Amino acid sequence: MRRTLLALLLVSQSVFANTIAHTDQRIGEIIVLTDKECATHVNRQQGYIVIEYSNTLFGCWKQDDFLVHFYFDNGEVRSFLLSQFKFKTSKEKKGQ
């Protein structure tokens, strides 16, 4: 757990973006969505997935009414239920 949190802190500093939402750690991974525009895709933001004891996967994301679609840099696409994410409130965003 400490390694995962340390990796998350290091990665979040290197992304230079505000966190919009994240998932709870489940099965050794945390998904983080940021507000930084994706350089490779229009109308998507950057995000990453920290996998315990493995690599951090980077990509871009967008959401619809029910899902968050994550487009990895390697071309893979995964979709996650929107209800799995904890979105920051406007008060929390101002405090960053």
PDB file of N, CA and C in Angstrom:
ATOM      1  N   MET A   1       0.818  -1.186   0.000  1.00  0.00           N
ATOM      2  CA  MET A   1       0.000   0.000   0.000  1.00  0.00           C
ATOM      3  C   MET A   1       0.869   1.260   0.000  1.00  0.00           C
ATOM      4  N   ARG A   2       1.938   1.254   0.806  1.00  0.00           N
ATOM      5  CA  ARG A   2       2.822   2.424   0.857  1.00  0.00           C
ATOM      6  C   ARG A   2       3.486   2.659  -0.489  1.00  0.00           C
ATOM      7  N   ARG A   3       3.878   1.576  -1.159  1.00  0.00           N
ATOM      8  CA  ARG A   3       4.503   1.720  -2.476  1.00  0.00           C
ATOM      9  C   ARG A   3       3.522   2.313  -3.472  1.00  0.00           C
ATOM     10  N   THR A   4       2.278   1.863  -3.404  1.00  0.00           N
ATOM     11  CA  THR A   4       1.257   2.378  -4.319  1.00  0.00           C
ATOM     12  C   THR A   4       1.033   3.864  -4.093  1.00  0.00           C
ATOM     13  N   LEU A   5       0.923   4.270  -2.845  1.00  0.00           N
ATOM     14  CA  LEU A   5       0.718   5.687  -2.552  1.00  0.00           C
ATOM     15  C   LEU A   5       1.907   6.529  -2.984  1.00  0.00           C
ATOM     16  N   LEU A   6       3.121   6.020  -2.759  1.00  0.00           N
ATOM     17  CA  LEU A   6       4.315   6.744  -3.187  1.00  0.00           C
ATOM     18  C   LEU A   6       4.329   6.884  -4.707  1.00  0.00           C
ATOM     19  N   ALA A   7       4.022   5.808  -5.409  1.00  0.00           N
ATOM     20  CA  ALA A   7       3.981   5.868  -6.875  1.00  0.00           C
ATOM     21  C   ALA A   7       2.922   6.852  -7.335  1.00  0.00           C
ATOM     22  N   LEU A   8       1.781   6.854  -6.672  1.00  0.00           N
ATOM     23  CA  LEU A   8       0.711   7.775  -7.023  1.00  0.00           C
ATOM     24  C   LEU A   8       1.148   9.226  -6.832  1.00  0.00           C
ATOM     25  N   LEU A   9       1.829   9.511  -5.743  1.00  0.00           N
ATOM     26  CA  LEU A   9       2.315  10.864  -5.497  1.00  0.00           C
ATOM     27  C   LEU A   9       3.341  11.294  -6.534  1.00  0.00           C
ATOM     28  N   LEU A  10       4.252  10.417  -6.863  1.00  0.00           N
ATOM     29  CA  LEU A  10       5.285  10.742  -7.854  1.00  0.00           C
ATOM     30  C   LEU A  10       4.677  10.987  -9.218  1.00  0.00           C
ATOM     31  N   VAL A  11       3.755  10.128  -9.612  1.00  0.00           N
ATOM     32  CA  VAL A  11       3.131  10.262 -10.924  1.00  0.00           C
ATOM     33  C   VAL A  11       2.272  11.516 -10.979  1.00  0.00           C
ATOM     34  N   SER A  12       1.519  11.788  -9.917  1.00  0.00           N
ATOM     35  CA  SER A  12       0.641  12.957  -9.942  1.00  0.00           C
ATOM     36  C   SER A  12       1.444  14.246 -10.046  1.00  0.00           C
ATOM     37  N   GLN A  13       2.638  14.290  -9.496  1.00  0.00           N
ATOM     38  CA  GLN A  13       3.469  15.480  -9.622  1.00  0.00           C
ATOM     39  C   GLN A  13       4.005  15.627 -11.030  1.00  0.00           C
ATOM     40  N   SER A  14       4.258  14.530 -11.708  1.00  0.00           N
ATOM     41  CA  SER A  14       4.827  14.611 -13.048  1.00  0.00           C
ATOM     42  C   SER A  14       3.780  14.912 -14.106  1.00  0.00           C
ATOM     43  N   VAL A  15       2.510  14.715 -13.814  1.00  0.00           N
ATOM     44  CA  VAL A  15       1.455  14.971 -14.784  1.00  0.00           C
ATOM     45  C   VAL A  15       1.132  16.458 -14.866  1.00  0.00           C
ATOM     46  N   PHE A  16       1.353  17.224 -13.782  1.00  0.00           N
ATOM     47  CA  PHE A  16       1.075  18.654 -13.726  1.00  0.00           C
ATOM     48  C   PHE A  16      -0.376  18.962 -14.071  1.00  0.00           C
ATOM     49  N   ALA A  17      -1.274  18.249 -13.435  1.00  0.00           N
ATOM     50  CA  ALA A  17      -2.693  18.456 -13.681  1.00  0.00           C
ATOM     51  C   ALA A  17      -3.448  18.250 -12.388  1.00  0.00           C
ATOM     52  N   ASN A  18      -4.623  18.839 -12.325  1.00  0.00           N
ATOM     53  CA  ASN A  18      -5.481  18.641 -11.165  1.00  0.00           C
ATOM     54  C   ASN A  18      -6.261  17.346 -11.311  1.00  0.00           C
ATOM     55  N   THR A  19      -6.384  16.632 -10.221  1.00  0.00           N
ATOM     56  CA  THR A  19      -7.177  15.410 -10.224  1.00  0.00           C
ATOM     57  C   THR A  19      -8.645  15.785 -10.196  1.00  0.00           C
ATOM     58  N   ILE A  20      -9.406  15.221 -11.117  1.00  0.00           N
ATOM     59  CA  ILE A  20     -10.853  15.430 -11.162  1.00  0.00           C
ATOM     60  C   ILE A  20     -11.559  14.333 -10.378  1.00  0.00           C
ATOM     61  N   ALA A  21     -11.089  13.098 -10.561  1.00  0.00           N
ATOM     62  CA  ALA A  21     -11.739  11.955  -9.925  1.00  0.00           C
ATOM     63  C   ALA A  21     -10.744  10.821  -9.784  1.00  0.00           C
ATOM     64  N   HIS A  22     -11.084   9.871  -8.924  1.00  0.00           N
ATOM     65  CA  HIS A  22     -10.259   8.677  -8.761  1.00  0.00           C
ATOM     66  C   HIS A  22     -11.137   7.542  -8.267  1.00  0.00           C
ATOM     67  N   THR A  23     -10.636   6.336  -8.400  1.00  0.00           N
ATOM     68  CA  THR A  23     -11.324   5.180  -7.841  1.00  0.00           C
ATOM     69  C   THR A  23     -10.648   4.818  -6.534  1.00  0.00           C
ATOM     70  N   ASP A  24     -11.344   4.062  -5.718  1.00  0.00           N
ATOM     71  CA  ASP A  24     -10.710   3.480  -4.544  1.00  0.00           C
ATOM     72  C   ASP A  24      -9.769   2.397  -5.028  1.00  0.00           C
ATOM     73  N   GLN A  25      -8.788   2.094  -4.207  1.00  0.00           N
ATOM     74  CA  GLN A  25      -7.896   1.003  -4.591  1.00  0.00           C
ATOM     75  C   GLN A  25      -8.676  -0.297  -4.543  1.00  0.00           C
ATOM     76  N   ARG A  26      -8.715  -0.977  -5.658  1.00  0.00           N
ATOM     77  CA  ARG A  26      -9.410  -2.258  -5.728  1.00  0.00           C
ATOM     78  C   ARG A  26      -8.540  -3.203  -6.545  1.00  0.00           C
ATOM     79  N   ILE A  27      -8.377  -4.369  -6.055  1.00  0.00           N
ATOM     80  CA  ILE A  27      -7.571  -5.376  -6.736  1.00  0.00           C
ATOM     81  C   ILE A  27      -6.229  -4.790  -7.168  1.00  0.00           C
ATOM     82  N   GLY A  28      -5.638  -3.953  -6.312  1.00  0.00           N
ATOM     83  CA  GLY A  28      -4.297  -3.456  -6.555  1.00  0.00           C
ATOM     84  C   GLY A  28      -4.152  -2.369  -7.588  1.00  0.00           C
ATOM     85  N   GLU A  29      -5.233  -1.644  -7.934  1.00  0.00           N
ATOM     86  CA  GLU A  29      -5.086  -0.556  -8.897  1.00  0.00           C
ATOM     87  C   GLU A  29      -5.921   0.649  -8.494  1.00  0.00           C
ATOM     88  N   ILE A  30      -5.419   1.826  -8.871  1.00  0.00           N
ATOM     89  CA  ILE A  30      -6.135   3.082  -8.667  1.00  0.00           C
ATOM     90  C   ILE A  30      -6.168   3.792 -10.016  1.00  0.00           C
ATOM     91  N   ILE A  31      -7.343   4.268 -10.406  1.00  0.00           N
ATOM     92  CA  ILE A  31      -7.499   5.005 -11.655  1.00  0.00           C
ATOM     93  C   ILE A  31      -7.654   6.485 -11.303  1.00  0.00           C
ATOM     94  N   VAL A  32      -6.865   7.342 -11.944  1.00  0.00           N
ATOM     95  CA  VAL A  32      -6.897   8.779 -11.680  1.00  0.00           C
ATOM     96  C   VAL A  32      -7.227   9.511 -12.982  1.00  0.00           C
ATOM     97  N   LEU A  33      -8.236  10.380 -12.914  1.00  0.00           N
ATOM     98  CA  LEU A  33      -8.626  11.198 -14.055  1.00  0.00           C
ATOM     99  C   LEU A  33      -8.205  12.636 -13.770  1.00  0.00           C
ATOM    100  N   THR A  34      -7.551  13.282 -14.731  1.00  0.00           N
ATOM    101  CA  THR A  34      -7.089  14.658 -14.531  1.00  0.00           C
ATOM    102  C   THR A  34      -7.805  15.600 -15.492  1.00  0.00           C
ATOM    103  N   ASP A  35      -7.591  16.897 -15.278  1.00  0.00           N
ATOM    104  CA  ASP A  35      -8.204  17.907 -16.138  1.00  0.00           C
ATOM    105  C   ASP A  35      -7.285  18.369 -17.270  1.00  0.00           C
ATOM    106  N   LYS A  36      -6.115  17.790 -17.391  1.00  0.00           N
ATOM    107  CA  LYS A  36      -5.156  18.204 -18.422  1.00  0.00           C
ATOM    108  C   LYS A  36      -5.581  17.642 -19.785  1.00  0.00           C
ATOM    109  N   GLU A  37      -5.592  18.513 -20.782  1.00  0.00           N
ATOM    110  CA  GLU A  37      -5.977  18.096 -22.128  1.00  0.00           C
ATOM    111  C   GLU A  37      -5.020  17.029 -22.659  1.00  0.00           C
ATOM    112  N   CYS A  38      -5.576  16.079 -23.350  1.00  0.00           N
ATOM    113  CA  CYS A  38      -4.792  15.005 -23.952  1.00  0.00           C
ATOM    114  C   CYS A  38      -4.102  15.539 -25.211  1.00  0.00           C
ATOM    115  N   ALA A  39      -2.825  15.288 -25.324  1.00  0.00           N
ATOM    116  CA  ALA A  39      -2.058  15.794 -26.466  1.00  0.00           C
ATOM    117  C   ALA A  39      -2.345  15.014 -27.745  1.00  0.00           C
ATOM    118  N   THR A  40      -2.804  13.778 -27.612  1.00  0.00           N
ATOM    119  CA  THR A  40      -2.961  12.913 -28.786  1.00  0.00           C
ATOM    120  C   THR A  40      -4.402  12.761 -29.262  1.00  0.00           C
ATOM    121  N   HIS A  41      -5.379  13.197 -28.455  1.00  0.00           N
ATOM    122  CA  HIS A  41      -6.788  13.040 -28.824  1.00  0.00           C
ATOM    123  C   HIS A  41      -7.569  14.306 -28.458  1.00  0.00           C
ATOM    124  N   VAL A  42      -8.385  14.772 -29.377  1.00  0.00           N
ATOM    125  CA  VAL A  42      -9.213  15.949 -29.148  1.00  0.00           C
ATOM    126  C   VAL A  42     -10.373  15.576 -28.221  1.00  0.00           C
ATOM    127  N   ASN A  43     -10.772  16.494 -27.355  1.00  0.00           N
ATOM    128  CA  ASN A  43     -11.905  16.319 -26.430  1.00  0.00           C
ATOM    129  C   ASN A  43     -11.710  15.186 -25.426  1.00  0.00           C
ATOM    130  N   ARG A  44     -10.479  14.941 -25.044  1.00  0.00           N
ATOM    131  CA  ARG A  44     -10.177  13.960 -23.995  1.00  0.00           C
ATOM    132  C   ARG A  44      -9.150  14.559 -23.054  1.00  0.00           C
ATOM    133  N   GLN A  45      -9.137  14.054 -21.820  1.00  0.00           N
ATOM    134  CA  GLN A  45      -8.177  14.501 -20.830  1.00  0.00           C
ATOM    135  C   GLN A  45      -7.220  13.362 -20.492  1.00  0.00           C
ATOM    136  N   GLN A  46      -6.103  13.727 -19.868  1.00  0.00           N
ATOM    137  CA  GLN A  46      -5.113  12.724 -19.479  1.00  0.00           C
ATOM    138  C   GLN A  46      -5.538  12.008 -18.210  1.00  0.00           C
ATOM    139  N   GLY A  47      -5.093  10.790 -18.079  1.00  0.00           N
ATOM    140  CA  GLY A  47      -5.328  10.014 -16.877  1.00  0.00           C
ATOM    141  C   GLY A  47      -4.276   8.927 -16.771  1.00  0.00           C
ATOM    142  N   TYR A  48      -4.316   8.203 -15.675  1.00  0.00           N
ATOM    143  CA  TYR A  48      -3.371   7.104 -15.503  1.00  0.00           C
ATOM    144  C   TYR A  48      -3.931   6.096 -14.525  1.00  0.00           C
ATOM    145  N   ILE A  49      -3.397   4.901 -14.623  1.00  0.00           N
ATOM    146  CA  ILE A  49      -3.779   3.813 -13.733  1.00  0.00           C
ATOM    147  C   ILE A  49      -2.513   3.316 -13.050  1.00  0.00           C
ATOM    148  N   VAL A  50      -2.527   3.342 -11.733  1.00  0.00           N
ATOM    149  CA  VAL A  50      -1.398   2.848 -10.945  1.00  0.00           C
ATOM    150  C   VAL A  50      -1.734   1.422 -10.541  1.00  0.00           C
ATOM    151  N   ILE A  51      -0.915   0.494 -10.980  1.00  0.00           N
ATOM    152  CA  ILE A  51      -1.122  -0.919 -10.671  1.00  0.00           C
ATOM    153  C   ILE A  51      -0.037  -1.347  -9.689  1.00  0.00           C
ATOM    154  N   GLU A  52      -0.478  -1.862  -8.548  1.00  0.00           N
ATOM    155  CA  GLU A  52       0.466  -2.262  -7.512  1.00  0.00           C
ATOM    156  C   GLU A  52       1.432  -3.319  -8.050  1.00  0.00           C
ATOM    157  N   TYR A  53       2.718  -3.123  -7.773  1.00  0.00           N
ATOM    158  CA  TYR A  53       3.792  -4.030  -8.189  1.00  0.00           C
ATOM    159  C   TYR A  53       3.915  -4.134  -9.706  1.00  0.00           C
ATOM    160  N   SER A  54       3.541  -3.090 -10.429  1.00  0.00           N
ATOM    161  CA  SER A  54       3.615  -3.123 -11.885  1.00  0.00           C
ATOM    162  C   SER A  54       3.855  -1.708 -12.411  1.00  0.00           C
ATOM    163  N   ASN A  55       3.661  -1.539 -13.700  1.00  0.00           N
ATOM    164  CA  ASN A  55       3.845  -0.246 -14.346  1.00  0.00           C
ATOM    165  C   ASN A  55       2.655   0.666 -14.115  1.00  0.00           C
ATOM    166  N   THR A  56       2.883   1.957 -14.277  1.00  0.00           N
ATOM    167  CA  THR A  56       1.793   2.923 -14.324  1.00  0.00           C
ATOM    168  C   THR A  56       1.441   3.101 -15.794  1.00  0.00           C
ATOM    169  N   LEU A  57       0.157   2.952 -16.108  1.00  0.00           N
ATOM    170  CA  LEU A  57      -0.309   3.050 -17.483  1.00  0.00           C
ATOM    171  C   LEU A  57      -0.915   4.419 -17.716  1.00  0.00           C
ATOM    172  N   PHE A  58      -0.478   5.097 -18.769  1.00  0.00           N
ATOM    173  CA  PHE A  58      -0.964   6.428 -19.093  1.00  0.00           C
ATOM    174  C   PHE A  58      -1.872   6.382 -20.305  1.00  0.00           C
ATOM    175  N   GLY A  59      -2.760   7.340 -20.392  1.00  0.00           N
ATOM    176  CA  GLY A  59      -3.645   7.417 -21.537  1.00  0.00           C
ATOM    177  C   GLY A  59      -4.558   8.621 -21.433  1.00  0.00           C
ATOM    178  N   CYS A  60      -5.640   8.572 -22.182  1.00  0.00           N
ATOM    179  CA  CYS A  60      -6.611   9.654 -22.215  1.00  0.00           C
ATOM    180  C   CYS A  60      -7.987   9.080 -21.917  1.00  0.00           C
ATOM    181  N   TRP A  61      -8.874   9.933 -21.416  1.00  0.00           N
ATOM    182  CA  TRP A  61     -10.193   9.452 -21.048  1.00  0.00           C
ATOM    183  C   TRP A  61     -11.278  10.437 -21.480  1.00  0.00           C
ATOM    184  N   LYS A  62     -12.482   9.901 -21.587  1.00  0.00           N
ATOM    185  CA  LYS A  62     -13.682  10.709 -21.775  1.00  0.00           C
ATOM    186  C   LYS A  62     -14.821   9.952 -21.117  1.00  0.00           C
ATOM    187  N   GLN A  63     -15.901  10.657 -20.828  1.00  0.00           N
ATOM    188  CA  GLN A  63     -17.025   9.994 -20.174  1.00  0.00           C
ATOM    189  C   GLN A  63     -18.308  10.235 -20.940  1.00  0.00           C
ATOM    190  N   ASP A  64     -19.243   9.305 -20.773  1.00  0.00           N
ATOM    191  CA  ASP A  64     -20.599   9.520 -21.260  1.00  0.00           C
ATOM    192  C   ASP A  64     -21.513   9.455 -20.037  1.00  0.00           C
ATOM    193  N   ASP A  65     -22.779   9.191 -20.218  1.00  0.00           N
ATOM    194  CA  ASP A  65     -23.714   9.195 -19.086  1.00  0.00           C
ATOM    195  C   ASP A  65     -23.489   8.065 -18.090  1.00  0.00           C
ATOM    196  N   PHE A  66     -22.849   6.969 -18.518  1.00  0.00           N
ATOM    197  CA  PHE A  66     -22.722   5.795 -17.661  1.00  0.00           C
ATOM    198  C   PHE A  66     -21.305   5.281 -17.461  1.00  0.00           C
ATOM    199  N   LEU A  67     -20.416   5.608 -18.395  1.00  0.00           N
ATOM    200  CA  LEU A  67     -19.083   5.002 -18.398  1.00  0.00           C
ATOM    201  C   LEU A  67     -17.979   6.039 -18.540  1.00  0.00           C
ATOM    202  N   VAL A  68     -16.797   5.663 -18.062  1.00  0.00           N
ATOM    203  CA  VAL A  68     -15.559   6.381 -18.359  1.00  0.00           C
ATOM    204  C   VAL A  68     -14.777   5.483 -19.301  1.00  0.00           C
ATOM    205  N   HIS A  69     -14.441   6.003 -20.468  1.00  0.00           N
ATOM    206  CA  HIS A  69     -13.689   5.244 -21.467  1.00  0.00           C
ATOM    207  C   HIS A  69     -12.235   5.698 -21.397  1.00  0.00           C
ATOM    208  N   PHE A  70     -11.332   4.747 -21.186  1.00  0.00           N
ATOM    209  CA  PHE A  70      -9.908   5.042 -21.024  1.00  0.00           C
ATOM    210  C   PHE A  70      -9.162   4.490 -22.236  1.00  0.00           C
ATOM    211  N   TYR A  71      -8.480   5.363 -22.938  1.00  0.00           N
ATOM    212  CA  TYR A  71      -7.727   5.017 -24.150  1.00  0.00           C
ATOM    213  C   TYR A  71      -6.248   5.024 -23.787  1.00  0.00           C
ATOM    214  N   PHE A  72      -5.659   3.844 -23.690  1.00  0.00           N
ATOM    215  CA  PHE A  72      -4.263   3.735 -23.295  1.00  0.00           C
ATOM    216  C   PHE A  72      -3.340   4.111 -24.450  1.00  0.00           C
ATOM    217  N   ASP A  73      -2.137   4.528 -24.093  1.00  0.00           N
ATOM    218  CA  ASP A  73      -1.144   4.896 -25.104  1.00  0.00           C
ATOM    219  C   ASP A  73      -0.799   3.731 -26.027  1.00  0.00           C
ATOM    220  N   ASN A  74      -0.998   2.484 -25.555  1.00  0.00           N
ATOM    221  CA  ASN A  74      -0.679   1.317 -26.387  1.00  0.00           C
ATOM    222  C   ASN A  74      -1.823   0.926 -27.319  1.00  0.00           C
ATOM    223  N   GLY A  75      -2.924   1.715 -27.332  1.00  0.00           N
ATOM    224  CA  GLY A  75      -4.039   1.446 -28.235  1.00  0.00           C
ATOM    225  C   GLY A  75      -5.208   0.703 -27.597  1.00  0.00           C
ATOM    226  N   GLU A  76      -5.005   0.138 -26.426  1.00  0.00           N
ATOM    227  CA  GLU A  76      -6.073  -0.578 -25.730  1.00  0.00           C
ATOM    228  C   GLU A  76      -7.112   0.409 -25.206  1.00  0.00           C
ATOM    229  N   VAL A  77      -8.384  -0.016 -25.205  1.00  0.00           N
ATOM    230  CA  VAL A  77      -9.465   0.793 -24.651  1.00  0.00           C
ATOM    231  C   VAL A  77     -10.181  -0.035 -23.594  1.00  0.00           C
ATOM    232  N   ARG A  78     -10.381   0.572 -22.403  1.00  0.00           N
ATOM    233  CA  ARG A  78     -11.151  -0.080 -21.342  1.00  0.00           C
ATOM    234  C   ARG A  78     -12.210   0.896 -20.867  1.00  0.00           C
ATOM    235  N   SER A  79     -13.367   0.377 -20.489  1.00  0.00           N
ATOM    236  CA  SER A  79     -14.455   1.208 -19.979  1.00  0.00           C
ATOM    237  C   SER A  79     -14.766   0.809 -18.548  1.00  0.00           C
ATOM    238  N   PHE A  80     -15.068   1.814 -17.729  1.00  0.00           N
ATOM    239  CA  PHE A  80     -15.345   1.618 -16.313  1.00  0.00           C
ATOM    240  C   PHE A  80     -16.657   2.305 -15.977  1.00  0.00           C
ATOM    241  N   LEU A  81     -17.413   1.720 -15.052  1.00  0.00           N
ATOM    242  CA  LEU A  81     -18.661   2.337 -14.614  1.00  0.00           C
ATOM    243  C   LEU A  81     -18.379   3.690 -13.977  1.00  0.00           C
ATOM    244  N   LEU A  82     -19.138   4.681 -14.351  1.00  0.00           N
ATOM    245  CA  LEU A  82     -18.987   6.021 -13.804  1.00  0.00           C
ATOM    246  C   LEU A  82     -19.173   6.017 -12.288  1.00  0.00           C
ATOM    247  N   SER A  83     -20.016   5.137 -11.797  1.00  0.00           N
ATOM    248  CA  SER A  83     -20.298   5.067 -10.358  1.00  0.00           C
ATOM    249  C   SER A  83     -19.093   4.603  -9.534  1.00  0.00           C
ATOM    250  N   GLN A  84     -18.062   4.048 -10.170  1.00  0.00           N
ATOM    251  CA  GLN A  84     -16.856   3.615  -9.453  1.00  0.00           C
ATOM    252  C   GLN A  84     -15.964   4.792  -9.057  1.00  0.00           C
ATOM    253  N   PHE A  85     -16.191   5.964  -9.637  1.00  0.00           N
ATOM    254  CA  PHE A  85     -15.306   7.108  -9.429  1.00  0.00           C
ATOM    255  C   PHE A  85     -15.847   8.049  -8.361  1.00  0.00           C
ATOM    256  N   LYS A  86     -14.905   8.606  -7.611  1.00  0.00           N
ATOM    257  CA  LYS A  86     -15.222   9.654  -6.644  1.00  0.00           C
ATOM    258  C   LYS A  86     -14.785  10.970  -7.278  1.00  0.00           C
ATOM    259  N   PHE A  87     -15.752  11.787  -7.673  1.00  0.00           N
ATOM    260  CA  PHE A  87     -15.452  13.069  -8.296  1.00  0.00           C
ATOM    261  C   PHE A  87     -15.309  14.128  -7.221  1.00  0.00           C
ATOM    262  N   LYS A  88     -14.327  15.003  -7.400  1.00  0.00           N
ATOM    263  CA  LYS A  88     -14.109  16.083  -6.442  1.00  0.00           C
ATOM    264  C   LYS A  88     -15.214  17.124  -6.581  1.00  0.00           C
ATOM    265  N   THR A  89     -15.599  17.691  -5.457  1.00  0.00           N
ATOM    266  CA  THR A  89     -16.576  18.777  -5.476  1.00  0.00           C
ATOM    267  C   THR A  89     -15.874  20.064  -5.858  1.00  0.00           C
ATOM    268  N   SER A  90     -16.632  21.097  -6.169  1.00  0.00           N
ATOM    269  CA  SER A  90     -16.013  22.375  -6.548  1.00  0.00           C
ATOM    270  C   SER A  90     -15.214  22.960  -5.390  1.00  0.00           C
ATOM    271  N   LYS A  91     -15.617  22.712  -4.131  1.00  0.00           N
ATOM    272  CA  LYS A  91     -14.857  23.177  -2.973  1.00  0.00           C
ATOM    273  C   LYS A  91     -13.492  22.495  -2.916  1.00  0.00           C
ATOM    274  N   GLU A  92     -13.479  21.206  -3.159  1.00  0.00           N
ATOM    275  CA  GLU A  92     -12.209  20.456  -3.114  1.00  0.00           C
ATOM    276  C   GLU A  92     -11.277  20.924  -4.230  1.00  0.00           C
ATOM    277  N   LYS A  93     -11.815  21.205  -5.405  1.00  0.00           N
ATOM    278  CA  LYS A  93     -10.997  21.659  -6.528  1.00  0.00           C
ATOM    279  C   LYS A  93     -10.363  23.017  -6.203  1.00  0.00           C
ATOM    280  N   LYS A  94     -11.111  23.912  -5.554  1.00  0.00           N
ATOM    281  CA  LYS A  94     -10.581  25.235  -5.213  1.00  0.00           C
ATOM    282  C   LYS A  94      -9.445  25.130  -4.192  1.00  0.00           C
ATOM    283  N   GLY A  95      -9.461  24.103  -3.355  1.00  0.00           N
ATOM    284  CA  GLY A  95      -8.460  23.942  -2.320  1.00  0.00           C
ATOM    285  C   GLY A  95      -7.136  23.400  -2.796  1.00  0.00           C
ATOM    286  N   GLN A  96      -7.021  23.050  -4.058  1.00  0.00           N
ATOM    287  CA  GLN A  96      -5.782  22.460  -4.568  1.00  0.00           C
ATOM    288  C   GLN A  96      -4.712  23.495  -4.735  1.00  0.00           C
TER     289      GLN A  96
END
